[in-house]
Amino acid sequence: MQEKGIRAEIDDREIMLKKKVVSAGKMWVPYILVVGDREVASRKLVVRSREDGDEGKGKVEGEEEFIERLARMLEGYPQQRLPLPCLLSQQVIFSRLL
């Protein structure tokens, strides 16, 4: 995905999947991809789209088709790499103490 200019993060934290999805929603992540053993074997992705809301929940797409669709959507936009590590477990946690 990075070769196509698509920024992505991997949530490799040791928490339940539901908490990861809720966390991504709070961070305004536009697409959530759940990749497990079945997805790796079939090369199909379960895509949850923030734009489509609940209608976009669990939409199955081919890996290459999804990446190509995102690349077309991003044409003409500036492409910058994320300044943070792509693994969430390696990112600094910013919090505000009260």
N, C-alpha and C. Protein backbone atom coordinates (compact mmCIF):
# COMPACT_ATOMS: atom_id res chain seq x y z
N MET A 1 0.82 -1.18 0.00
CA MET A 1 0.00 0.00 0.00
C MET A 1 0.87 1.26 0.00
N GLN A 2 1.97 1.22 0.73
CA GLN A 2 2.84 2.39 0.79
C GLN A 2 3.44 2.71 -0.58
N GLU A 3 3.65 1.68 -1.40
CA GLU A 3 4.19 1.90 -2.74
C GLU A 3 3.23 2.72 -3.59
N LYS A 4 1.93 2.63 -3.29
CA LYS A 4 0.91 3.37 -4.02
C LYS A 4 0.60 4.71 -3.36
N GLY A 5 1.34 5.07 -2.30
CA GLY A 5 1.13 6.33 -1.62
C GLY A 5 0.00 6.31 -0.62
N ILE A 6 -0.39 5.13 -0.18
CA ILE A 6 -1.49 4.98 0.77
C ILE A 6 -0.91 4.82 2.17
N ARG A 7 -1.31 5.71 3.08
CA ARG A 7 -0.83 5.62 4.46
C ARG A 7 -1.67 4.59 5.20
N ALA A 8 -1.01 3.77 5.98
CA ALA A 8 -1.72 2.72 6.73
C ALA A 8 -1.02 2.49 8.06
N GLU A 9 -1.82 2.10 9.04
CA GLU A 9 -1.30 1.73 10.35
C GLU A 9 -1.80 0.33 10.68
N ILE A 10 -1.01 -0.40 11.44
CA ILE A 10 -1.37 -1.76 11.85
C ILE A 10 -1.56 -1.76 13.36
N ASP A 11 -2.74 -2.17 13.79
CA ASP A 11 -3.02 -2.24 15.23
C ASP A 11 -2.62 -3.63 15.71
N ASP A 12 -1.41 -3.72 16.21
CA ASP A 12 -0.86 -5.00 16.69
C ASP A 12 -0.89 -5.10 18.21
N ARG A 13 -1.68 -4.23 18.84
CA ARG A 13 -1.76 -4.26 20.30
C ARG A 13 -2.48 -5.51 20.78
N GLU A 14 -2.17 -5.93 21.98
CA GLU A 14 -2.74 -7.14 22.58
C GLU A 14 -4.07 -6.80 23.28
N ILE A 15 -5.04 -6.34 22.49
CA ILE A 15 -6.37 -6.07 23.01
C ILE A 15 -7.39 -6.75 22.11
N MET A 16 -8.64 -6.81 22.56
CA MET A 16 -9.68 -7.48 21.78
C MET A 16 -9.96 -6.72 20.48
N LEU A 17 -10.39 -7.45 19.47
CA LEU A 17 -10.67 -6.87 18.16
C LEU A 17 -11.70 -5.75 18.25
N LYS A 18 -12.76 -5.96 19.03
CA LYS A 18 -13.80 -4.94 19.15
C LYS A 18 -13.22 -3.62 19.66
N LYS A 19 -12.31 -3.69 20.64
CA LYS A 19 -11.69 -2.48 21.16
C LYS A 19 -10.83 -1.80 20.11
N LYS A 20 -10.18 -2.58 19.25
CA LYS A 20 -9.38 -2.01 18.18
C LYS A 20 -10.26 -1.25 17.19
N VAL A 21 -11.41 -1.83 16.85
CA VAL A 21 -12.33 -1.19 15.91
C VAL A 21 -12.89 0.10 16.51
N VAL A 22 -13.28 0.06 17.77
CA VAL A 22 -13.79 1.26 18.45
C VAL A 22 -12.71 2.33 18.50
N SER A 23 -11.49 1.95 18.81
CA SER A 23 -10.37 2.88 18.87
C SER A 23 -10.13 3.54 17.51
N ALA A 24 -10.18 2.76 16.45
CA ALA A 24 -9.99 3.31 15.10
C ALA A 24 -11.11 4.29 14.76
N GLY A 25 -12.33 4.00 15.19
CA GLY A 25 -13.43 4.91 14.97
C GLY A 25 -13.23 6.23 15.67
N LYS A 26 -12.69 6.19 16.87
CA LYS A 26 -12.43 7.42 17.63
C LYS A 26 -11.32 8.25 17.00
N MET A 27 -10.42 7.59 16.29
CA MET A 27 -9.30 8.29 15.64
C MET A 27 -9.66 8.73 14.21
N TRP A 28 -10.94 8.58 13.83
CA TRP A 28 -11.45 8.98 12.52
C TRP A 28 -10.73 8.28 11.36
N VAL A 29 -10.46 7.01 11.53
CA VAL A 29 -9.84 6.22 10.47
C VAL A 29 -10.90 5.97 9.39
N PRO A 30 -10.64 6.34 8.12
CA PRO A 30 -11.67 6.20 7.09
C PRO A 30 -12.01 4.76 6.70
N TYR A 31 -11.03 3.87 6.73
CA TYR A 31 -11.26 2.46 6.40
C TYR A 31 -10.61 1.57 7.44
N ILE A 32 -11.35 0.57 7.87
CA ILE A 32 -10.81 -0.42 8.81
C ILE A 32 -10.81 -1.76 8.09
N LEU A 33 -9.65 -2.39 8.03
CA LEU A 33 -9.52 -3.70 7.40
C LEU A 33 -9.19 -4.71 8.48
N VAL A 34 -9.96 -5.78 8.52
CA VAL A 34 -9.68 -6.85 9.45
C VAL A 34 -9.04 -7.98 8.64
N VAL A 35 -7.81 -8.33 9.01
CA VAL A 35 -7.08 -9.35 8.27
C VAL A 35 -6.73 -10.48 9.22
N GLY A 36 -7.31 -11.63 8.97
CA GLY A 36 -7.03 -12.83 9.75
C GLY A 36 -6.59 -13.95 8.83
N ASP A 37 -6.59 -15.17 9.35
CA ASP A 37 -6.14 -16.32 8.56
C ASP A 37 -7.00 -16.53 7.31
N ARG A 38 -8.32 -16.37 7.46
CA ARG A 38 -9.21 -16.57 6.30
C ARG A 38 -8.94 -15.54 5.21
N GLU A 39 -8.73 -14.28 5.61
CA GLU A 39 -8.48 -13.23 4.63
C GLU A 39 -7.15 -13.44 3.91
N VAL A 40 -6.15 -13.88 4.65
CA VAL A 40 -4.84 -14.14 4.05
C VAL A 40 -4.96 -15.28 3.03
N ALA A 41 -5.68 -16.34 3.39
CA ALA A 41 -5.83 -17.49 2.50
C ALA A 41 -6.62 -17.13 1.24
N SER A 42 -7.68 -16.35 1.37
CA SER A 42 -8.55 -16.04 0.23
C SER A 42 -8.12 -14.78 -0.52
N ARG A 43 -7.22 -13.99 0.09
CA ARG A 43 -6.78 -12.71 -0.47
C ARG A 43 -7.95 -11.76 -0.67
N LYS A 44 -8.95 -11.88 0.20
CA LYS A 44 -10.11 -10.98 0.22
C LYS A 44 -10.08 -10.21 1.53
N LEU A 45 -10.46 -8.95 1.49
CA LEU A 45 -10.43 -8.10 2.67
C LEU A 45 -11.84 -7.79 3.14
N VAL A 46 -12.04 -7.75 4.45
CA VAL A 46 -13.28 -7.28 5.03
C VAL A 46 -13.06 -5.81 5.33
N VAL A 47 -13.80 -4.95 4.62
CA VAL A 47 -13.58 -3.50 4.69
C VAL A 47 -14.75 -2.85 5.41
N ARG A 48 -14.44 -2.02 6.39
CA ARG A 48 -15.45 -1.22 7.08
C ARG A 48 -15.14 0.24 6.74
N SER A 49 -16.10 0.91 6.14
CA SER A 49 -15.91 2.28 5.68
C SER A 49 -16.57 3.26 6.63
N ARG A 50 -15.85 4.27 7.04
CA ARG A 50 -16.41 5.31 7.90
C ARG A 50 -17.47 6.09 7.13
N GLU A 51 -17.23 6.32 5.85
CA GLU A 51 -18.14 7.09 5.01
C GLU A 51 -19.51 6.41 4.87
N ASP A 52 -19.50 5.10 4.74
CA ASP A 52 -20.75 4.35 4.55
C ASP A 52 -21.43 3.99 5.87
N GLY A 53 -20.76 4.23 6.98
CA GLY A 53 -21.34 3.90 8.29
C GLY A 53 -21.60 2.42 8.41
N ASP A 54 -22.75 2.05 8.96
CA ASP A 54 -23.07 0.64 9.14
C ASP A 54 -23.28 -0.09 7.82
N GLU A 55 -23.62 0.64 6.76
CA GLU A 55 -23.79 0.00 5.45
C GLU A 55 -22.46 -0.53 4.93
N GLY A 56 -21.37 0.12 5.31
CA GLY A 56 -20.05 -0.30 4.85
C GLY A 56 -19.43 -1.37 5.72
N LYS A 57 -20.16 -1.85 6.71
CA LYS A 57 -19.62 -2.82 7.66
C LYS A 57 -19.51 -4.20 7.00
N GLY A 58 -18.34 -4.73 6.95
CA GLY A 58 -18.15 -6.10 6.48
C GLY A 58 -18.17 -6.29 4.98
N LYS A 59 -17.98 -5.25 4.20
CA LYS A 59 -17.94 -5.38 2.75
C LYS A 59 -16.67 -6.14 2.35
N VAL A 60 -16.81 -7.15 1.52
CA VAL A 60 -15.68 -7.98 1.12
C VAL A 60 -15.19 -7.54 -0.26
N GLU A 61 -13.90 -7.26 -0.35
CA GLU A 61 -13.29 -6.85 -1.61
C GLU A 61 -11.98 -7.59 -1.80
N GLY A 62 -11.58 -7.73 -3.04
CA GLY A 62 -10.28 -8.30 -3.33
C GLY A 62 -9.19 -7.31 -2.91
N GLU A 63 -8.08 -7.85 -2.49
CA GLU A 63 -6.97 -7.02 -2.01
C GLU A 63 -6.52 -5.99 -3.05
N GLU A 64 -6.24 -6.45 -4.26
CA GLU A 64 -5.75 -5.56 -5.31
C GLU A 64 -6.80 -4.54 -5.72
N GLU A 65 -8.08 -4.96 -5.79
CA GLU A 65 -9.15 -4.04 -6.18
C GLU A 65 -9.28 -2.90 -5.17
N PHE A 66 -9.19 -3.24 -3.89
CA PHE A 66 -9.31 -2.21 -2.85
C PHE A 66 -8.15 -1.23 -2.92
N ILE A 67 -6.94 -1.73 -3.07
CA ILE A 67 -5.77 -0.85 -3.15
C ILE A 67 -5.85 0.05 -4.38
N GLU A 68 -6.26 -0.50 -5.51
CA GLU A 68 -6.40 0.30 -6.74
C GLU A 68 -7.48 1.37 -6.58
N ARG A 69 -8.59 1.03 -5.92
CA ARG A 69 -9.67 1.99 -5.71
C ARG A 69 -9.18 3.15 -4.84
N LEU A 70 -8.45 2.83 -3.76
CA LEU A 70 -7.90 3.88 -2.91
C LEU A 70 -6.89 4.74 -3.66
N ALA A 71 -6.05 4.12 -4.46
CA ALA A 71 -5.04 4.86 -5.22
C ALA A 71 -5.72 5.84 -6.19
N ARG A 72 -6.81 5.41 -6.83
CA ARG A 72 -7.55 6.30 -7.74
C ARG A 72 -8.17 7.47 -6.97
N MET A 73 -8.71 7.20 -5.77
CA MET A 73 -9.31 8.25 -4.95
C MET A 73 -8.28 9.28 -4.51
N LEU A 74 -7.04 8.85 -4.32
CA LEU A 74 -5.99 9.73 -3.80
C LEU A 74 -5.21 10.48 -4.89
N GLU A 75 -5.53 10.21 -6.16
CA GLU A 75 -4.83 10.89 -7.25
C GLU A 75 -5.01 12.40 -7.12
N GLY A 76 -3.94 13.14 -7.26
CA GLY A 76 -3.99 14.59 -7.19
C GLY A 76 -3.81 15.15 -5.79
N TYR A 77 -3.83 14.30 -4.78
CA TYR A 77 -3.62 14.74 -3.42
C TYR A 77 -2.14 14.58 -3.05
N PRO A 78 -1.62 15.46 -2.17
CA PRO A 78 -0.23 15.28 -1.74
C PRO A 78 -0.07 13.97 -0.98
N GLN A 79 1.04 13.35 -1.15
CA GLN A 79 1.29 12.06 -0.49
C GLN A 79 2.51 12.19 0.40
N GLN A 80 2.26 12.09 1.70
CA GLN A 80 3.34 12.17 2.68
C GLN A 80 3.32 10.91 3.52
N ARG A 81 4.48 10.47 3.88
CA ARG A 81 4.59 9.32 4.78
C ARG A 81 4.22 9.77 6.19
N LEU A 82 3.70 8.84 6.97
CA LEU A 82 3.40 9.14 8.36
C LEU A 82 4.70 9.32 9.14
N PRO A 83 4.78 10.33 10.02
CA PRO A 83 6.01 10.52 10.80
C PRO A 83 6.12 9.54 11.97
N LEU A 84 5.11 8.70 12.17
CA LEU A 84 5.10 7.74 13.27
C LEU A 84 5.31 6.33 12.73
N PRO A 85 5.72 5.39 13.58
CA PRO A 85 5.83 4.00 13.15
C PRO A 85 4.45 3.48 12.72
N CYS A 86 4.42 2.56 11.77
CA CYS A 86 3.12 2.04 11.29
C CYS A 86 2.49 1.07 12.29
N LEU A 87 3.25 0.51 13.20
CA LEU A 87 2.70 -0.37 14.22
C LEU A 87 2.23 0.47 15.42
N LEU A 88 0.96 0.34 15.78
CA LEU A 88 0.42 1.15 16.88
C LEU A 88 1.11 0.86 18.20
N SER A 89 1.58 -0.35 18.39
CA SER A 89 2.25 -0.70 19.64
C SER A 89 3.57 0.06 19.81
N GLN A 90 4.13 0.60 18.72
CA GLN A 90 5.40 1.33 18.78
C GLN A 90 5.21 2.84 18.81
N GLN A 91 3.96 3.31 18.69
CA GLN A 91 3.71 4.74 18.68
C GLN A 91 3.63 5.30 20.09
N VAL A 92 4.01 6.54 20.23
CA VAL A 92 3.93 7.23 21.51
C VAL A 92 2.46 7.52 21.80
N ILE A 93 2.07 7.35 23.05
CA ILE A 93 0.70 7.64 23.45
C ILE A 93 0.66 9.04 24.04
N PHE A 94 -0.09 9.92 23.40
CA PHE A 94 -0.24 11.29 23.89
C PHE A 94 -1.51 11.35 24.73
N SER A 95 -1.39 11.77 25.94
CA SER A 95 -2.57 11.90 26.78
C SER A 95 -2.47 13.19 27.57
N ARG A 96 -3.60 13.64 28.02
CA ARG A 96 -3.64 14.88 28.78
C ARG A 96 -3.99 14.54 30.23
N LEU A 97 -3.15 14.93 31.12
CA LEU A 97 -3.42 14.69 32.53
C LEU A 97 -4.24 15.85 33.08
N LEU A 98 -5.24 15.51 33.85
CA LEU A 98 -6.09 16.56 34.45
C LEU A 98 -5.65 16.90 35.83
